[in-house]
Every structure is written in structure tokens, then in C-alpha cells.
């Protein structure tokens, strides 16, 4: 099981892309592995035959643990005795020595029965000992039909698995809410210029796909550049400022919330941000994000305006010190030069980590955000 992230302890083997006994080529997709942030295809490290599969689909496997063997052409599966885990832990067996005394000898390594991943999963669900089942597959391997024929009752109904990504999301948000002292600042802003900016941009070649989210990433990146204290995190007892402005975009997927990152957003033009956002969102929803796509974020934009939400409060995405929550743009009655007028406005809230940002600094950041939304001159690039 490879390490696909710095803080990764386990990986969930989503599915095997090759069957046991099948030939594989180096660099060919071998299995899908899910971490707390992404699901990736892991390539075969060598040519050969996939054998001795030791991890079932859906199993959480510690990083570094063997999940299968790839045998060189013509190489047989290592001959190993079948034994229980307790037998395997017995480090030595006794054998006669040349002088008549008994000498310790290393015990053969314990090996599980050959079985397909589906058969292992069914056996685990039904409490079936693989050692008690005959295998009808190639080389005596146990297949799902063998478990079905064993007479063991199907597993009782249980809750649907949420997946490792959802589990980790639940853990992170719970920890964030419990450990980071959140405070929130709100601002209703005139979105007329923002709407005009988007419509104007979409008329230019290469900008046809620009969205409000792209504009907000651009605006946020500029505000973070001007307020580096917000582009920071709390580490131990210190505030650590980030070297780059990397804006994450919250994306909802079937497996959970994921936050791909637009790296160096303050240095990108609007069309570059739009292209990067489009590629990241597509990869997120198709399960093709790479570890580097979701790492290094220093700030997050969460936009629920497309769902008709007026305003909401977002939980901090640790270790980031702030997150922008954006609602829909709607026509509202506001005061313009002392008279009522109907204007397109939006409400945004910014959640802050009070260990990093105090109220005054937070208010200054929000004011800069509002000013850039209402008058984005200089950012239209």
C-alpha cells in the first residue's frame, strides 16, 4: 500500500483493476486506492503475474503493508504452509542439527488461502473461515460462488458505507470545530460590477467558461496578497505565514466534500484561473484528482449560490485560518443615495481562526474583499 499523502496512515483498496493470475505490465493501472482526499489509480511496479492477493476490495490497509505479489515470468508462487496468525507468530520450529542437538529453524511464512477479493469480502461479512471452503477457481482459488455454496447466511442489513473520504471529512470538521476558535464576519455587497465583469469576460475568446467562482477566487487571491496575516495558519504556538497564495475551491462529490487547490492564484490571470478550476472540478467529480491537486491550500472559497442559498457559515478547513462562504446573487431593495433601489447583491461570510486573526484584522480583510467585488478595477485581466 503506497503512501499518497504526507499524513496518510492507511489507504482503502477500492477495487482491483487486474484479477489474480492475470498478466500485468509495469506502469499499467493495477488497483484503485482511496485516501481521505482522493481516489487514485496505482500502477504496477513491474511486469509479471498478479498473485497472492492479500487485500480485499473495500479493505483499509496500513501504508507499507503488502497487498499482493507480482511474480516474474515463470516464477512460481512461493511455497508456504497454511497456518493461523498465532502459528505465524511462532518465530521458530525445531529441527535436528548435525551434532544430534535440536537447532532453531525459521518457520515458513503464513499465507492466506488464494481467494478473489469478492470472495474475501463475502467471507468476512458472513463469518466464513476460508480454510474450511474448497476453491473452484484457477489453482484452487476460492471464488464468490464457493462462499455462496458454503451455506453461510448472508450478512444482516447494515448502514451504507460512507467511504474513507467522507469519514475523514467528518473527523476533520469535528476536530476543526472543537479546536479552532471560530468567529464570523458578514457583509452584503453590491454584485452589479461582479455580474458585469463576468458577462464582459465571457465575450472574450478563451473566457467563455468564466464563472462567479472564478471571479471570487481572483478577488480572494488579491485580498490575501494584501493581507498576508489571513493567508496563514496556527502551528503549535506560532502564526506561520504561507509563502504562496493557494486558493482551494470546495467541491461536492458523491464521496464527500473535496477541496482542490488553485496554486499561486494571485499570479494567475482570470482565464488561467477558469481553466484550472474547470479541470479540477471535472477531475474531482470523476474521481481523478491527484494528491498534489488537493495539497497546499491556504484559503478556501465555498460557493453555494447555485443552490439558492442566501448565506451560510462555513467550518474552517484546517490548517487554514479563513474560509469564504458565498450565497446567491439576488435582487434586493437597498438604499442608493438615500433612496430605495433594487440592486443585485450577495451576502458573504468569512470564518476566521481567532488564534491567527483578530476581529480588526478580519474586518479589514472583509472590507478589502467587498471593495474588490464592488469595484474590481485593476483585476480585469
Protein backbone atom coordinates (compact mmCIF):
# COMPACT_ATOMS: atom_id res chain seq x y z
CA UNK A 1 0.00 0.00 0.00
CA UNK A 2 1.68 3.20 -1.16
CA UNK A 3 1.74 6.48 0.76
CA UNK A 4 -0.15 9.02 -1.34
CA UNK A 5 -0.02 11.85 1.20
CA UNK A 6 2.27 13.06 3.97
CA UNK A 7 -0.24 12.41 6.76
CA UNK A 8 -1.65 9.19 5.33
CA UNK A 9 -1.67 6.14 7.62
CA UNK A 10 -3.97 3.85 5.64
CA UNK A 11 -5.46 3.51 2.18
CA UNK A 12 -8.74 1.92 1.24
CA UNK A 13 -8.43 -0.54 -1.64
CA UNK A 14 -11.48 0.44 -3.69
CA UNK A 15 -11.10 -2.20 -6.41
CA UNK A 16 -8.61 -4.35 -8.23
CA UNK A 17 -8.21 -3.47 -11.90
CA UNK A 18 -6.50 -6.81 -12.57
CA UNK A 19 -7.57 -10.27 -11.44
CA UNK A 20 -5.36 -12.67 -9.55
CA UNK A 21 -3.43 -14.78 -12.05
CA UNK A 22 -3.64 -12.10 -14.75
CA UNK A 23 -0.57 -10.77 -16.53
CA UNK A 24 0.34 -7.15 -15.76
CA UNK A 25 2.76 -4.71 -17.30
CA UNK A 26 4.86 -2.13 -15.46
CA UNK A 27 3.03 1.23 -15.40
CA UNK A 28 -0.34 -0.37 -16.11
CA UNK A 29 -3.21 0.56 -13.72
CA UNK A 30 -3.37 -2.17 -11.10
CA UNK A 31 -5.75 -1.01 -8.37
CA UNK A 32 -7.76 1.99 -7.17
CA UNK A 33 -6.87 3.35 -3.75
CA UNK A 34 -8.89 5.88 -1.78
CA UNK A 35 -7.30 8.20 0.77
CA UNK A 36 -9.03 10.82 2.88
CA UNK A 37 -8.85 13.27 -0.03
CA UNK A 38 -8.60 11.48 -3.37
CA UNK A 39 -9.11 8.20 -5.18
CA UNK A 40 -6.22 7.33 -7.48
CA UNK A 41 -5.14 4.52 -9.75
CA UNK A 42 -1.95 2.81 -8.56
CA UNK A 43 0.25 1.46 -11.31
CA UNK A 44 2.00 -1.91 -11.36
CA UNK A 45 5.65 -1.51 -10.32
CA UNK A 46 6.86 -4.38 -12.53
CA UNK A 47 5.98 -6.83 -15.30
CA UNK A 48 4.66 -10.22 -14.26
CA UNK A 49 1.66 -12.08 -12.93
CA UNK A 50 -0.57 -10.78 -10.15
CA UNK A 51 -0.62 -13.38 -7.39
CA UNK A 52 -1.18 -13.90 -3.68
CA UNK A 53 -3.74 -11.10 -3.36
CA UNK A 54 -3.90 -10.29 0.34
CA UNK A 55 -6.27 -7.31 0.49
CA UNK A 56 -9.94 -7.36 -0.42
CA UNK A 57 -11.84 -4.59 -2.14
CA UNK A 58 -13.16 -2.20 0.48
CA UNK A 59 -10.43 -3.08 2.99
CA UNK A 60 -8.44 -0.40 4.85
CA UNK A 61 -4.76 -1.30 4.59
CA UNK A 62 -1.91 0.30 6.56
CA UNK A 63 0.66 2.09 4.41
CA UNK A 64 3.57 -0.21 3.67
CA UNK A 65 1.69 -3.48 4.10
CA UNK A 66 1.89 -5.91 1.19
CA UNK A 67 -1.36 -6.28 -0.74
CA UNK A 68 -0.22 -8.75 -3.42
CA UNK A 69 2.77 -10.19 -5.23
CA UNK A 70 3.84 -9.67 -8.82
CA UNK A 71 5.70 -12.76 -9.96
CA UNK A 72 8.31 -12.64 -12.70
CA UNK A 73 7.56 -14.68 -15.83
CA UNK A 74 7.86 -18.36 -14.93
CA UNK A 75 8.31 -17.69 -11.22
CA UNK A 76 6.08 -19.93 -9.07
CA UNK A 77 4.07 -18.69 -6.12
CA UNK A 78 6.30 -19.16 -3.04
CA UNK A 79 5.51 -22.46 -1.35
CA UNK A 80 4.23 -21.63 2.10
CA UNK A 81 2.39 -23.60 4.70
CA UNK A 82 -1.10 -22.55 5.69
CA UNK A 83 -1.33 -21.62 9.32
CA UNK A 84 -3.17 -19.34 11.69
CA UNK A 85 -1.85 -15.94 12.70
CA UNK A 86 -0.86 -17.49 16.03
CA UNK A 87 1.19 -20.11 14.21
CA UNK A 88 2.83 -17.42 12.13
CA UNK A 89 3.87 -15.53 15.25
CA UNK A 90 5.77 -18.59 16.48
CA UNK A 91 9.16 -17.45 15.29
CA UNK A 92 10.96 -20.78 15.08
CA UNK A 93 10.46 -24.51 14.65
CA UNK A 94 12.84 -27.16 15.93
CA UNK A 95 14.97 -29.30 13.61
CA UNK A 96 17.81 -31.77 14.32
CA UNK A 97 21.34 -30.44 13.97
CA UNK A 98 24.38 -32.34 12.74
CA UNK A 99 25.65 -32.92 16.29
CA UNK A 100 22.42 -34.50 17.40
CA UNK A 101 21.07 -31.46 19.20
CA UNK A 102 17.95 -29.64 18.09
CA UNK A 103 18.51 -26.25 16.48
CA UNK A 104 16.02 -23.46 15.80
CA UNK A 105 14.86 -23.04 12.24
CA UNK A 106 12.78 -20.19 10.84
CA UNK A 107 9.16 -21.14 10.39
CA UNK A 108 7.58 -20.87 6.92
CA UNK A 109 5.71 -17.60 6.48
CA UNK A 110 1.97 -17.92 6.97
CA UNK A 111 -0.09 -17.39 3.85
CA UNK A 112 -3.77 -16.88 3.33
CA UNK A 113 -5.77 -19.10 1.01
CA UNK A 114 -5.94 -17.99 -2.57
CA UNK A 115 -9.25 -16.18 -2.92
CA UNK A 116 -10.75 -13.45 -5.06
CA UNK A 117 -11.31 -10.05 -3.40
CA UNK A 118 -15.09 -10.54 -3.65
CA UNK A 119 -14.82 -13.94 -2.00
CA UNK A 120 -12.78 -12.49 0.85
CA UNK A 121 -15.32 -9.71 1.36
CA UNK A 122 -18.24 -12.18 1.40
CA UNK A 123 -16.36 -14.46 3.78
CA UNK A 124 -15.67 -11.57 6.16
CA UNK A 125 -19.30 -10.44 6.04
CA UNK A 126 -20.64 -13.94 6.73
CA UNK A 127 -18.01 -15.07 9.21
CA UNK A 128 -16.75 -17.87 6.96
CA UNK A 129 -13.30 -19.37 7.61
CA UNK A 130 -11.59 -19.55 4.24
CA UNK A 131 -9.68 -22.59 5.42
CA UNK A 132 -12.94 -24.54 5.57
CA UNK A 133 -14.02 -23.77 2.00
CA UNK A 134 -12.96 -25.62 -1.12
CA UNK A 135 -11.86 -23.47 -4.04
CA UNK A 136 -13.19 -23.96 -7.56
CA UNK A 137 -11.21 -21.18 -9.18
CA UNK A 138 -7.85 -21.36 -11.02
CA UNK A 139 -5.23 -23.08 -8.91
CA UNK A 140 -7.81 -23.90 -6.26
CA UNK A 141 -8.57 -20.26 -5.56
CA UNK A 142 -11.79 -19.55 -3.67
CA UNK A 143 -14.32 -17.53 -5.66
CA UNK A 144 -17.54 -15.84 -4.56
CA UNK A 145 -19.63 -18.82 -5.70
CA UNK A 146 -17.74 -21.04 -3.24
CA UNK A 147 -18.73 -18.80 -0.35
CA UNK A 148 -22.34 -18.73 -1.58
CA UNK A 149 -22.34 -22.54 -1.75
CA UNK A 150 -20.94 -22.89 1.77
CA UNK A 151 -24.39 -22.38 3.24
CA UNK A 152 -23.39 -19.43 5.42
CA UNK A 153 -26.23 -16.97 5.93
CA UNK A 154 -25.99 -13.58 4.21
CA UNK A 155 -24.83 -10.74 6.40
CA UNK A 156 -27.64 -8.80 8.11
CA UNK A 157 -28.63 -5.43 6.71
CA UNK A 158 -26.35 -2.64 7.78
CA UNK A 159 -25.78 1.02 7.11
CA UNK A 160 -24.29 2.01 3.78
CA UNK A 161 -20.54 2.61 3.89
CA UNK A 162 -19.72 6.29 3.72
CA UNK A 163 -16.25 5.83 2.28
CA UNK A 164 -12.90 6.90 3.63
CA UNK A 165 -13.18 10.41 2.18
CA UNK A 166 -16.46 11.07 4.00
CA UNK A 167 -15.14 9.56 7.24
CA UNK A 168 -12.05 11.74 7.17
CA UNK A 169 -14.13 14.81 6.29
CA UNK A 170 -16.29 14.13 9.34
CA UNK A 171 -13.22 13.74 11.51
CA UNK A 172 -11.54 16.92 10.22
CA UNK A 173 -14.59 19.14 10.51
CA UNK A 174 -15.33 17.84 14.00
CA UNK A 175 -11.76 18.47 15.10
CA UNK A 176 -11.75 21.90 13.45
CA UNK A 177 -14.97 22.94 15.16
CA UNK A 178 -13.76 21.67 18.54
CA UNK A 179 -10.20 23.02 18.47
CA UNK A 180 -10.20 26.19 16.35
CA UNK A 181 -11.95 29.19 17.96
CA UNK A 182 -14.17 30.29 15.07
CA UNK A 183 -15.57 33.76 14.64
CA UNK A 184 -17.60 35.05 11.70
CA UNK A 185 -17.94 38.34 9.85
CA UNK A 186 -20.73 39.11 7.36
CA UNK A 187 -21.03 41.60 4.53
CA UNK A 188 -23.74 42.30 1.96
CA UNK A 189 -22.18 43.70 -1.19
CA UNK A 190 -23.43 45.13 -4.45
CA UNK A 191 -22.81 42.45 -7.09
CA UNK A 192 -23.61 44.60 -10.11
CA UNK A 193 -19.98 45.10 -11.09
CA UNK A 194 -19.22 41.42 -10.45
CA UNK A 195 -22.03 40.38 -12.80
CA UNK A 196 -20.86 42.90 -15.37
CA UNK A 197 -17.28 41.65 -15.07
CA UNK A 198 -18.36 38.07 -15.76
CA UNK A 199 -20.54 38.97 -18.75
CA UNK A 200 -17.82 41.14 -20.23
CA UNK A 201 -15.20 38.43 -19.72
CA UNK A 202 -17.37 35.76 -21.37
CA UNK A 203 -17.44 37.74 -24.60
CA UNK A 204 -13.67 37.45 -24.97
CA UNK A 205 -12.04 34.43 -26.67
CA UNK A 206 -10.88 31.90 -24.10
CA UNK A 207 -13.06 33.32 -21.32
CA UNK A 208 -16.37 31.72 -22.27
CA UNK A 209 -16.41 29.41 -19.24
CA UNK A 210 -15.72 32.07 -16.58
CA UNK A 211 -17.96 31.68 -13.52
CA UNK A 212 -18.69 33.73 -10.42
CA UNK A 213 -16.47 31.29 -8.51
CA UNK A 214 -13.52 32.14 -10.77
CA UNK A 215 -14.04 35.83 -10.08
CA UNK A 216 -14.22 35.19 -6.34
CA UNK A 217 -11.00 33.16 -6.47
CA UNK A 218 -9.33 36.08 -8.25
CA UNK A 219 -10.71 38.59 -5.75
CA UNK A 220 -9.80 36.42 -2.75
CA UNK A 221 -6.26 35.89 -4.02
CA UNK A 222 -5.72 39.65 -4.34
CA UNK A 223 -7.17 40.28 -0.87
CA UNK A 224 -4.91 37.58 0.60
CA UNK A 225 -1.89 39.14 -1.09
CA UNK A 226 -2.75 42.43 0.61
CA UNK A 227 -3.46 40.75 3.97
CA UNK A 228 -0.80 38.04 4.46
CA UNK A 229 -1.87 37.52 8.09
CA UNK A 230 -5.06 35.86 6.79
CA UNK A 231 -3.00 33.70 4.43
CA UNK A 232 -1.51 31.88 7.41
CA UNK A 233 -2.08 29.09 9.92
CA UNK A 234 -1.63 28.30 13.60
CA UNK A 235 1.17 25.79 14.21
CA UNK A 236 1.97 24.93 17.79
CA UNK A 237 2.15 28.34 19.40
CA UNK A 238 3.06 30.35 16.34
CA UNK A 239 1.37 32.03 13.40
CA UNK A 240 3.02 30.76 10.23
CA UNK A 241 2.51 32.84 7.08
CA UNK A 242 2.30 30.91 3.81
CA UNK A 243 4.80 31.67 1.08
CA UNK A 244 2.21 31.33 -1.69
CA UNK A 245 -1.44 32.21 -2.15
CA UNK A 246 -3.15 28.89 -2.90
CA UNK A 247 -6.95 29.12 -3.03
CA UNK A 248 -9.00 25.97 -2.55
CA UNK A 249 -12.47 25.53 -4.05
CA UNK A 250 -14.97 23.42 -2.12
CA UNK A 251 -16.50 20.82 -4.47
CA UNK A 252 -19.29 18.42 -3.54
CA UNK A 253 -18.89 14.86 -4.90
CA UNK A 254 -20.72 11.59 -4.31
CA UNK A 255 -17.96 10.51 -1.93
CA UNK A 256 -17.87 13.71 0.09
CA UNK A 257 -16.55 17.25 0.09
CA UNK A 258 -13.18 17.73 -1.55
CA UNK A 259 -11.16 20.95 -1.89
CA UNK A 260 -8.90 21.04 -4.96
CA UNK A 261 -6.44 23.93 -4.96
CA UNK A 262 -5.60 26.66 -7.45
CA UNK A 263 -1.93 27.15 -6.64
CA UNK A 264 -0.38 30.60 -6.99
CA UNK A 265 -3.81 32.11 -7.67
CA UNK A 266 -2.56 35.67 -7.11
CA UNK A 267 -0.21 35.27 -10.07
CA UNK A 268 -2.77 33.85 -12.50
CA UNK A 269 -4.94 35.70 -14.99
CA UNK A 270 -8.70 35.18 -14.93
CA UNK A 271 -8.68 32.79 -17.89
CA UNK A 272 -5.91 30.74 -16.26
CA UNK A 273 -7.94 30.50 -13.05
CA UNK A 274 -11.05 29.49 -15.03
CA UNK A 275 -9.17 26.79 -16.92
CA UNK A 276 -7.60 25.45 -13.75
CA UNK A 277 -10.91 25.49 -11.85
CA UNK A 278 -12.71 23.72 -14.69
CA UNK A 279 -10.10 20.96 -14.85
CA UNK A 280 -10.03 20.49 -11.08
CA UNK A 281 -13.81 20.31 -10.68
CA UNK A 282 -14.09 17.79 -13.52
CA UNK A 283 -11.32 15.66 -12.01
CA UNK A 284 -12.97 15.84 -8.58
CA UNK A 285 -16.34 14.64 -9.84
CA UNK A 286 -14.78 11.91 -11.96
CA UNK A 287 -12.50 10.70 -9.14
CA UNK A 288 -9.30 11.65 -10.99
CA UNK A 289 -7.74 14.11 -8.55
CA UNK A 290 -4.07 13.62 -7.75
CA UNK A 291 -2.62 14.16 -4.27
CA UNK A 292 -0.90 17.34 -5.43
CA UNK A 293 -4.26 18.73 -6.60
CA UNK A 294 -5.59 18.86 -3.04
CA UNK A 295 -2.47 19.82 -1.09
CA UNK A 296 -1.04 23.16 -0.03
CA UNK A 297 -4.24 25.20 0.19
CA UNK A 298 -4.00 28.41 2.26
CA UNK A 299 -7.62 29.65 1.93
CA UNK A 300 -10.93 28.21 0.73
CA UNK A 301 -13.88 29.56 -1.25
CA UNK A 302 -17.19 27.75 -0.72
CA UNK A 303 -19.94 28.93 -3.07
CA UNK A 304 -23.49 27.62 -2.56
CA UNK A 305 -25.16 30.37 -4.56
CA UNK A 306 -26.08 27.94 -7.36
CA UNK A 307 -28.27 26.08 -4.84
CA UNK A 308 -30.31 29.15 -3.99
CA UNK A 309 -28.70 29.63 -0.58
CA UNK A 310 -28.77 33.24 0.65
CA UNK A 311 -25.99 32.93 3.25
CA UNK A 312 -24.29 30.33 5.43
CA UNK A 313 -21.43 29.80 7.86
CA UNK A 314 -18.57 27.53 6.86
CA UNK A 315 -16.36 25.41 9.11
CA UNK A 316 -12.65 26.16 8.81
CA UNK A 317 -10.61 23.83 6.61
CA UNK A 318 -7.55 23.14 8.82
CA UNK A 319 -4.84 24.28 8.96
CA UNK A 320 -6.17 27.31 7.08
CA UNK A 321 -7.09 30.41 9.08
CA UNK A 322 -10.07 31.54 6.98
CA UNK A 323 -12.78 30.38 4.58
CA UNK A 324 -15.15 32.46 2.45
CA UNK A 325 -18.79 31.33 2.27
CA UNK A 326 -20.79 32.83 -0.60
CA UNK A 327 -24.54 32.83 -1.18
CA UNK A 328 -26.60 33.58 -4.28
CA UNK A 329 -26.79 36.85 -6.14
CA UNK A 330 -30.35 38.15 -5.80
CA UNK A 331 -32.15 41.40 -6.45
CA UNK A 332 -32.79 43.18 -3.16
CA UNK A 333 -34.04 46.58 -2.14
CA UNK A 334 -31.16 48.72 -0.88
CA UNK A 335 -30.53 52.37 -0.24
CA UNK A 336 -28.74 54.21 -3.04
CA UNK A 337 -28.01 57.90 -2.38
CA UNK A 338 -30.74 57.94 0.26
CA UNK A 339 -33.42 56.44 -1.98
CA UNK A 340 -34.65 52.85 -2.24
CA UNK A 341 -33.40 50.95 -5.28
CA UNK A 342 -33.38 47.36 -6.48
CA UNK A 343 -29.84 46.07 -6.90
CA UNK A 344 -28.21 42.64 -7.36
CA UNK A 345 -26.44 41.87 -4.10
CA UNK A 346 -24.80 38.89 -2.48
CA UNK A 347 -24.08 38.06 1.14
CA UNK A 348 -20.79 36.54 2.07
CA UNK A 349 -19.43 35.46 5.42
CA UNK A 350 -15.85 34.77 6.34
CA UNK A 351 -14.99 32.31 9.09
CA UNK A 352 -11.71 33.03 10.89
CA UNK A 353 -9.44 31.19 13.30
CA UNK A 354 -9.18 33.62 16.22
CA UNK A 355 -5.74 32.26 17.11
CA UNK A 356 -4.42 33.70 13.84
CA UNK A 357 -6.72 36.63 13.02
CA UNK A 358 -8.37 39.04 15.45
CA UNK A 359 -11.57 40.94 14.82
CA UNK A 360 -9.93 44.09 13.49
CA UNK A 361 -7.68 42.26 11.02
CA UNK A 362 -10.61 40.15 9.93
CA UNK A 363 -12.75 43.24 9.35
CA UNK A 364 -10.01 44.83 7.26
CA UNK A 365 -9.79 41.70 5.11
CA UNK A 366 -13.57 41.58 4.62
CA UNK A 367 -13.58 45.27 3.69
CA UNK A 368 -10.93 44.62 1.03
CA UNK A 369 -12.96 41.71 -0.33
CA UNK A 370 -16.09 43.87 -0.51
CA UNK A 371 -14.24 46.72 -2.20
CA UNK A 372 -12.79 44.39 -4.85
CA UNK A 373 -16.20 42.84 -5.54
CA UNK A 374 -17.91 46.21 -5.85
CA UNK A 375 -15.08 47.85 -7.79
CA UNK A 376 -12.81 45.22 -9.42
CA UNK A 377 -10.85 47.73 -11.49
CA UNK A 378 -7.30 46.51 -11.95
CA UNK A 379 -8.26 42.85 -11.61
CA UNK A 380 -9.93 42.54 -15.01
CA UNK A 381 -7.10 40.64 -16.67
